[in-house]
Amino acid sequence: GGSLRLSCVASGFTLDYYAVGWFRQAPGKD
């Protein structure tokens, strides 16, 4: 029931030109 906010900081390039995705992997799963 709680909340978290994840951040993804890019360095070495400009993020403007990229689509971005969040993915997750649990133990034993794809």
PDB file of all heavy atoms in Angstrom:
ATOM      1  N   GLY A   1       0.793  -1.219   0.000  1.00  0.00           N
ATOM      2  CA  GLY A   1       0.000   0.000   0.000  1.00  0.00           C
ATOM      3  C   GLY A   1       0.823   1.265   0.000  1.00  0.00           C
ATOM      4  O   GLY A   1       0.276   2.359  -0.181  1.00  0.00           O
ATOM      5  N   GLY A   2       2.125   1.142   0.197  1.00  0.00           N
ATOM      6  CA  GLY A   2       3.007   2.295   0.228  1.00  0.00           C
ATOM      7  C   GLY A   2       3.403   2.788  -1.156  1.00  0.00           C
ATOM      8  O   GLY A   2       2.943   2.249  -2.180  1.00  0.00           O
ATOM      9  N   SER A   3       4.262   3.796  -1.173  1.00  0.00           N
ATOM     10  CA  SER A   3       4.687   4.433  -2.419  1.00  0.00           C
ATOM     11  C   SER A   3       6.201   4.585  -2.461  1.00  0.00           C
ATOM     12  O   SER A   3       6.855   4.701  -1.430  1.00  0.00           O
ATOM     13  CB  SER A   3       4.050   5.816  -2.549  1.00  0.00           C
ATOM     14  OG  SER A   3       2.651   5.750  -2.599  1.00  0.00           O
ATOM     15  N   LEU A   4       6.709   4.593  -3.668  1.00  0.00           N
ATOM     16  CA  LEU A   4       8.110   4.910  -3.935  1.00  0.00           C
ATOM     17  C   LEU A   4       8.172   5.678  -5.242  1.00  0.00           C
ATOM     18  O   LEU A   4       7.320   5.490  -6.123  1.00  0.00           O
ATOM     19  CB  LEU A   4       8.960   3.642  -4.069  1.00  0.00           C
ATOM     20  CG  LEU A   4       9.310   2.850  -2.809  1.00  0.00           C
ATOM     21  CD1 LEU A   4      10.002   1.545  -3.209  1.00  0.00           C
ATOM     22  CD2 LEU A   4      10.190   3.655  -1.889  1.00  0.00           C
ATOM     23  N   ARG A   5       9.195   6.501  -5.388  1.00  0.00           N
ATOM     24  CA  ARG A   5       9.452   7.156  -6.666  1.00  0.00           C
ATOM     25  C   ARG A   5      10.864   6.799  -7.105  1.00  0.00           C
ATOM     26  O   ARG A   5      11.838   7.132  -6.427  1.00  0.00           O
ATOM     27  CB  ARG A   5       9.306   8.667  -6.592  1.00  0.00           C
ATOM     28  CG  ARG A   5       9.382   9.309  -7.971  1.00  0.00           C
ATOM     29  CD  ARG A   5       9.126  10.791  -7.968  1.00  0.00           C
ATOM     30  NE  ARG A   5      10.299  11.572  -7.612  1.00  0.00           N
ATOM     31  CZ  ARG A   5      10.505  12.828  -8.003  1.00  0.00           C
ATOM     32  NH1 ARG A   5       9.614  13.437  -8.744  1.00  0.00           N
ATOM     33  NH2 ARG A   5      11.588  13.467  -7.604  1.00  0.00           N
ATOM     34  N   LEU A   6      10.939   6.145  -8.235  1.00  0.00           N
ATOM     35  CA  LEU A   6      12.228   5.793  -8.816  1.00  0.00           C
ATOM     36  C   LEU A   6      12.686   6.894  -9.766  1.00  0.00           C
ATOM     37  O   LEU A   6      11.876   7.513 -10.451  1.00  0.00           O
ATOM     38  CB  LEU A   6      12.139   4.476  -9.581  1.00  0.00           C
ATOM     39  CG  LEU A   6      11.617   3.264  -8.805  1.00  0.00           C
ATOM     40  CD1 LEU A   6      11.690   2.014  -9.690  1.00  0.00           C
ATOM     41  CD2 LEU A   6      12.359   3.065  -7.512  1.00  0.00           C
ATOM     42  N   SER A   7      13.996   7.095  -9.808  1.00  0.00           N
ATOM     43  CA  SER A   7      14.585   8.056 -10.736  1.00  0.00           C
ATOM     44  C   SER A   7      15.605   7.345 -11.613  1.00  0.00           C
ATOM     45  O   SER A   7      16.298   6.434 -11.147  1.00  0.00           O
ATOM     46  CB  SER A   7      15.286   9.187  -9.976  1.00  0.00           C
ATOM     47  OG  SER A   7      14.378   9.903  -9.177  1.00  0.00           O
ATOM     48  N   CYS A   8      15.696   7.801 -12.827  1.00  0.00           N
ATOM     49  CA  CYS A   8      16.690   7.293 -13.779  1.00  0.00           C
ATOM     50  C   CYS A   8      17.397   8.513 -14.349  1.00  0.00           C
ATOM     51  O   CYS A   8      16.798   9.276 -15.113  1.00  0.00           O
ATOM     52  CB  CYS A   8      16.013   6.488 -14.872  1.00  0.00           C
ATOM     53  SG  CYS A   8      17.101   6.017 -16.244  1.00  0.00           S
ATOM     54  N   VAL A   9      18.649   8.699 -13.954  1.00  0.00           N
ATOM     55  CA  VAL A   9      19.413   9.854 -14.402  1.00  0.00           C
ATOM     56  C   VAL A   9      20.377   9.431 -15.496  1.00  0.00           C
ATOM     57  O   VAL A   9      21.133   8.463 -15.326  1.00  0.00           O
ATOM     58  CB  VAL A   9      20.184  10.486 -13.236  1.00  0.00           C
ATOM     59  CG1 VAL A   9      20.991  11.679 -13.723  1.00  0.00           C
ATOM     60  CG2 VAL A   9      19.226  10.912 -12.138  1.00  0.00           C
ATOM     61  N   ALA A  10      20.336  10.152 -16.601  1.00  0.00           N
ATOM     62  CA  ALA A  10      21.217   9.863 -17.734  1.00  0.00           C
ATOM     63  C   ALA A  10      22.416  10.799 -17.707  1.00  0.00           C
ATOM     64  O   ALA A  10      22.284  11.986 -17.391  1.00  0.00           O
ATOM     65  CB  ALA A  10      20.456  10.037 -19.037  1.00  0.00           C
ATOM     66  N   SER A  11      23.565  10.272 -18.051  1.00  0.00           N
ATOM     67  CA  SER A  11      24.761  11.094 -18.180  1.00  0.00           C
ATOM     68  C   SER A  11      25.537  10.649 -19.399  1.00  0.00           C
ATOM     69  O   SER A  11      25.447   9.501 -19.834  1.00  0.00           O
ATOM     70  CB  SER A  11      25.636  10.991 -16.923  1.00  0.00           C
ATOM     71  OG  SER A  11      26.079   9.670 -16.729  1.00  0.00           O
ATOM     72  N   GLY A  12      26.289  11.597 -19.959  1.00  0.00           N
ATOM     73  CA  GLY A  12      27.088  11.285 -21.132  1.00  0.00           C
ATOM     74  C   GLY A  12      26.337  11.415 -22.438  1.00  0.00           C
ATOM     75  O   GLY A  12      26.907  11.199 -23.507  1.00  0.00           O
ATOM     76  N   PHE A  13      25.046  11.748 -22.372  1.00  0.00           N
ATOM     77  CA  PHE A  13      24.252  11.936 -23.583  1.00  0.00           C
ATOM     78  C   PHE A  13      22.997  12.724 -23.213  1.00  0.00           C
ATOM     79  O   PHE A  13      22.676  12.875 -22.034  1.00  0.00           O
ATOM     80  CB  PHE A  13      23.879  10.602 -24.215  1.00  0.00           C
ATOM     81  CG  PHE A  13      22.890   9.779 -23.404  1.00  0.00           C
ATOM     82  CD1 PHE A  13      21.561   9.679 -23.803  1.00  0.00           C
ATOM     83  CD2 PHE A  13      23.293   9.123 -22.256  1.00  0.00           C
ATOM     84  CE1 PHE A  13      20.661   8.925 -23.061  1.00  0.00           C
ATOM     85  CE2 PHE A  13      22.396   8.383 -21.504  1.00  0.00           C
ATOM     86  CZ  PHE A  13      21.082   8.284 -21.912  1.00  0.00           C
ATOM     87  N   THR A  14      22.309  13.219 -24.243  1.00  0.00           N
ATOM     88  CA  THR A  14      21.092  13.995 -24.030  1.00  0.00           C
ATOM     89  C   THR A  14      19.879  13.084 -24.157  1.00  0.00           C
ATOM     90  O   THR A  14      19.670  12.462 -25.186  1.00  0.00           O
ATOM     91  CB  THR A  14      20.998  15.133 -25.057  1.00  0.00           C
ATOM     92  OG1 THR A  14      22.151  15.966 -24.925  1.00  0.00           O
ATOM     93  CG2 THR A  14      19.752  15.956 -24.830  1.00  0.00           C
ATOM     94  N   LEU A  15      19.099  13.056 -23.088  1.00  0.00           N
ATOM     95  CA  LEU A  15      17.976  12.135 -23.038  1.00  0.00           C
ATOM     96  C   LEU A  15      16.854  12.502 -24.012  1.00  0.00           C
ATOM     97  O   LEU A  15      16.019  11.668 -24.354  1.00  0.00           O
ATOM     98  CB  LEU A  15      17.428  12.094 -21.608  1.00  0.00           C
ATOM     99  CG  LEU A  15      16.626  10.884 -21.157  1.00  0.00           C
ATOM    100  CD1 LEU A  15      17.395   9.594 -21.375  1.00  0.00           C
ATOM    101  CD2 LEU A  15      16.233  11.032 -19.707  1.00  0.00           C
ATOM    102  N   ASP A  16      16.852  13.755 -24.488  1.00  0.00           N
ATOM    103  CA  ASP A  16      15.785  14.245 -25.363  1.00  0.00           C
ATOM    104  C   ASP A  16      15.527  13.350 -26.566  1.00  0.00           C
ATOM    105  O   ASP A  16      14.401  13.270 -27.053  1.00  0.00           O
ATOM    106  CB  ASP A  16      16.150  15.627 -25.925  1.00  0.00           C
ATOM    107  CG  ASP A  16      16.390  16.649 -24.848  1.00  0.00           C
ATOM    108  OD1 ASP A  16      16.945  16.281 -23.811  1.00  0.00           O
ATOM    109  OD2 ASP A  16      16.019  17.820 -25.044  1.00  0.00           O
ATOM    110  N   TYR A  17      16.586  12.698 -27.065  1.00  0.00           N
ATOM    111  CA  TYR A  17      16.466  11.960 -28.321  1.00  0.00           C
ATOM    112  C   TYR A  17      16.123  10.486 -28.123  1.00  0.00           C
ATOM    113  O   TYR A  17      16.195   9.699 -29.065  1.00  0.00           O
ATOM    114  CB  TYR A  17      17.761  12.080 -29.110  1.00  0.00           C
ATOM    115  CG  TYR A  17      18.142  13.509 -29.394  1.00  0.00           C
ATOM    116  CD1 TYR A  17      19.244  14.101 -28.785  1.00  0.00           C
ATOM    117  CD2 TYR A  17      17.377  14.296 -30.259  1.00  0.00           C
ATOM    118  CE1 TYR A  17      19.574  15.419 -29.027  1.00  0.00           C
ATOM    119  CE2 TYR A  17      17.702  15.607 -30.503  1.00  0.00           C
ATOM    120  CZ  TYR A  17      18.804  16.168 -29.886  1.00  0.00           C
ATOM    121  OH  TYR A  17      19.135  17.465 -30.118  1.00  0.00           O
ATOM    122  N   TYR A  18      15.773  10.129 -26.889  1.00  0.00           N
ATOM    123  CA  TYR A  18      15.552   8.730 -26.576  1.00  0.00           C
ATOM    124  C   TYR A  18      14.198   8.505 -25.917  1.00  0.00           C
ATOM    125  O   TYR A  18      13.770   9.285 -25.055  1.00  0.00           O
ATOM    126  CB  TYR A  18      16.623   8.225 -25.611  1.00  0.00           C
ATOM    127  CG  TYR A  18      18.010   8.165 -26.198  1.00  0.00           C
ATOM    128  CD1 TYR A  18      18.786   9.310 -26.301  1.00  0.00           C
ATOM    129  CD2 TYR A  18      18.522   6.962 -26.656  1.00  0.00           C
ATOM    130  CE1 TYR A  18      20.052   9.252 -26.849  1.00  0.00           C
ATOM    131  CE2 TYR A  18      19.793   6.895 -27.197  1.00  0.00           C
ATOM    132  CZ  TYR A  18      20.550   8.047 -27.288  1.00  0.00           C
ATOM    133  OH  TYR A  18      21.801   7.981 -27.830  1.00  0.00           O
ATOM    134  N   ALA A  19      13.560   7.424 -26.310  1.00  0.00           N
ATOM    135  CA  ALA A  19      12.453   6.903 -25.518  1.00  0.00           C
ATOM    136  C   ALA A  19      13.058   6.162 -24.329  1.00  0.00           C
ATOM    137  O   ALA A  19      14.174   5.637 -24.410  1.00  0.00           O
ATOM    138  CB  ALA A  19      11.588   5.973 -26.343  1.00  0.00           C
ATOM    139  N   VAL A  20      12.319   6.128 -23.237  1.00  0.00           N
ATOM    140  CA  VAL A  20      12.840   5.512 -22.013  1.00  0.00           C
ATOM    141  C   VAL A  20      11.821   4.514 -21.474  1.00  0.00           C
ATOM    142  O   VAL A  20      10.611   4.760 -21.517  1.00  0.00           O
ATOM    143  CB  VAL A  20      13.127   6.573 -20.942  1.00  0.00           C
ATOM    144  CG1 VAL A  20      13.695   5.924 -19.676  1.00  0.00           C
ATOM    145  CG2 VAL A  20      14.091   7.623 -21.476  1.00  0.00           C
ATOM    146  N   GLY A  21      12.322   3.426 -20.983  1.00  0.00           N
ATOM    147  CA  GLY A  21      11.444   2.424 -20.391  1.00  0.00           C
ATOM    148  C   GLY A  21      11.905   2.014 -19.015  1.00  0.00           C
ATOM    149  O   GLY A  21      13.100   2.057 -18.702  1.00  0.00           O
ATOM    150  N   TRP A  22      10.925   1.635 -18.201  1.00  0.00           N
ATOM    151  CA  TRP A  22      11.199   0.997 -16.918  1.00  0.00           C
ATOM    152  C   TRP A  22      10.820  -0.475 -17.043  1.00  0.00           C
ATOM    153  O   TRP A  22       9.719  -0.803 -17.528  1.00  0.00           O
ATOM    154  CB  TRP A  22      10.385   1.637 -15.797  1.00  0.00           C
ATOM    155  CG  TRP A  22      10.933   2.933 -15.309  1.00  0.00           C
ATOM    156  CD1 TRP A  22      10.501   4.185 -15.641  1.00  0.00           C
ATOM    157  CD2 TRP A  22      12.001   3.124 -14.377  1.00  0.00           C
ATOM    158  NE1 TRP A  22      11.240   5.137 -14.989  1.00  0.00           N
ATOM    159  CE2 TRP A  22      12.175   4.504 -14.202  1.00  0.00           C
ATOM    160  CE3 TRP A  22      12.841   2.246 -13.675  1.00  0.00           C
ATOM    161  CZ2 TRP A  22      13.140   5.047 -13.354  1.00  0.00           C
ATOM    162  CZ3 TRP A  22      13.794   2.776 -12.827  1.00  0.00           C
ATOM    163  CH2 TRP A  22      13.939   4.165 -12.673  1.00  0.00           C
ATOM    164  N   PHE A  23      11.700  -1.320 -16.596  1.00  0.00           N
ATOM    165  CA  PHE A  23      11.492  -2.765 -16.634  1.00  0.00           C
ATOM    166  C   PHE A  23      11.769  -3.334 -15.246  1.00  0.00           C
ATOM    167  O   PHE A  23      12.421  -2.671 -14.429  1.00  0.00           O
ATOM    168  CB  PHE A  23      12.426  -3.410 -17.662  1.00  0.00           C
ATOM    169  CG  PHE A  23      12.204  -2.898 -19.058  1.00  0.00           C
ATOM    170  CD1 PHE A  23      12.744  -1.697 -19.476  1.00  0.00           C
ATOM    171  CD2 PHE A  23      11.432  -3.633 -19.951  1.00  0.00           C
ATOM    172  CE1 PHE A  23      12.512  -1.210 -20.758  1.00  0.00           C
ATOM    173  CE2 PHE A  23      11.201  -3.155 -21.239  1.00  0.00           C
ATOM    174  CZ  PHE A  23      11.745  -1.946 -21.632  1.00  0.00           C
ATOM    175  N   ARG A  24      11.291  -4.521 -15.003  1.00  0.00           N
ATOM    176  CA  ARG A  24      11.574  -5.135 -13.704  1.00  0.00           C
ATOM    177  C   ARG A  24      11.804  -6.631 -13.886  1.00  0.00           C
ATOM    178  O   ARG A  24      11.287  -7.250 -14.826  1.00  0.00           O
ATOM    179  CB  ARG A  24      10.448  -4.896 -12.715  1.00  0.00           C
ATOM    180  CG  ARG A  24       9.128  -5.551 -13.054  1.00  0.00           C
ATOM    181  CD  ARG A  24       8.039  -5.096 -12.078  1.00  0.00           C
ATOM    182  NE  ARG A  24       6.755  -5.716 -12.343  1.00  0.00           N
ATOM    183  CZ  ARG A  24       5.622  -5.384 -11.736  1.00  0.00           C
ATOM    184  NH1 ARG A  24       5.620  -4.411 -10.804  1.00  0.00           N
ATOM    185  NH2 ARG A  24       4.494  -6.011 -12.021  1.00  0.00           N
ATOM    186  N   GLN A  25      12.575  -7.166 -12.956  1.00  0.00           N
ATOM    187  CA  GLN A  25      12.861  -8.593 -12.989  1.00  0.00           C
ATOM    188  C   GLN A  25      12.824  -9.143 -11.580  1.00  0.00           C
ATOM    189  O   GLN A  25      13.629  -8.736 -10.730  1.00  0.00           O
ATOM    190  CB  GLN A  25      14.220  -8.858 -13.634  1.00  0.00           C
ATOM    191  CG  GLN A  25      14.486 -10.327 -13.876  1.00  0.00           C
ATOM    192  CD  GLN A  25      15.651 -10.550 -14.823  1.00  0.00           C
ATOM    193  OE1 GLN A  25      16.460  -9.664 -15.067  1.00  0.00           O
ATOM    194  NE2 GLN A  25      15.717 -11.740 -15.390  1.00  0.00           N
ATOM    195  N   ALA A  26      11.884 -10.039 -11.348  1.00  0.00           N
ATOM    196  CA  ALA A  26      11.778 -10.715 -10.062  1.00  0.00           C
ATOM    197  C   ALA A  26      12.593 -12.002 -10.122  1.00  0.00           C
ATOM    198  O   ALA A  26      12.852 -12.529 -11.214  1.00  0.00           O
ATOM    199  CB  ALA A  26      10.310 -11.014  -9.759  1.00  0.00           C
ATOM    200  N   PRO A  27      13.005 -12.520  -8.966  1.00  0.00           N
ATOM    201  CA  PRO A  27      13.801 -13.753  -8.956  1.00  0.00           C
ATOM    202  C   PRO A  27      13.101 -14.883  -9.705  1.00  0.00           C
ATOM    203  O   PRO A  27      11.919 -15.149  -9.470  1.00  0.00           O
ATOM    204  CB  PRO A  27      13.924 -14.065  -7.462  1.00  0.00           C
ATOM    205  CG  PRO A  27      13.815 -12.752  -6.796  1.00  0.00           C
ATOM    206  CD  PRO A  27      12.829 -11.974  -7.616  1.00  0.00           C
ATOM    207  N   GLY A  28      13.835 -15.510 -10.608  1.00  0.00           N
ATOM    208  CA  GLY A  28      13.296 -16.642 -11.348  1.00  0.00           C
ATOM    209  C   GLY A  28      12.350 -16.292 -12.471  1.00  0.00           C
ATOM    210  O   GLY A  28      11.773 -17.176 -13.102  1.00  0.00           O
ATOM    211  N   LYS A  29      12.175 -15.002 -12.728  1.00  0.00           N
ATOM    212  CA  LYS A  29      11.249 -14.577 -13.775  1.00  0.00           C
ATOM    213  C   LYS A  29      11.979 -13.782 -14.843  1.00  0.00           C
ATOM    214  O   LYS A  29      13.075 -13.264 -14.631  1.00  0.00           O
ATOM    215  CB  LYS A  29      10.116 -13.741 -13.176  1.00  0.00           C
ATOM    216  CG  LYS A  29       9.213 -14.526 -12.236  1.00  0.00           C
ATOM    217  CD  LYS A  29       8.005 -13.707 -11.842  1.00  0.00           C
ATOM    218  CE  LYS A  29       7.048 -14.511 -10.981  1.00  0.00           C
ATOM    219  NZ  LYS A  29       5.833 -13.716 -10.614  1.00  0.00           N
ATOM    220  N   ASP A  30      11.343 -13.676 -15.989  1.00  0.00           N
ATOM    221  CA  ASP A  30      11.898 -12.917 -17.092  1.00  0.00           C
ATOM    222  C   ASP A  30      11.751 -11.419 -16.818  1.00  0.00           C
ATOM    223  O   ASP A  30      10.869 -11.000 -16.060  1.00  0.00           O
ATOM    224  CB  ASP A  30      11.163 -13.292 -18.378  1.00  0.00           C
ATOM    225  CG  ASP A  30      11.914 -12.864 -19.615  1.00  0.00           C
ATOM    226  OD1 ASP A  30      13.113 -12.518 -19.499  1.00  0.00           O
ATOM    227  OD2 ASP A  30      11.310 -12.871 -20.699  1.00  0.00           O
TER     228      ASP A  30
END
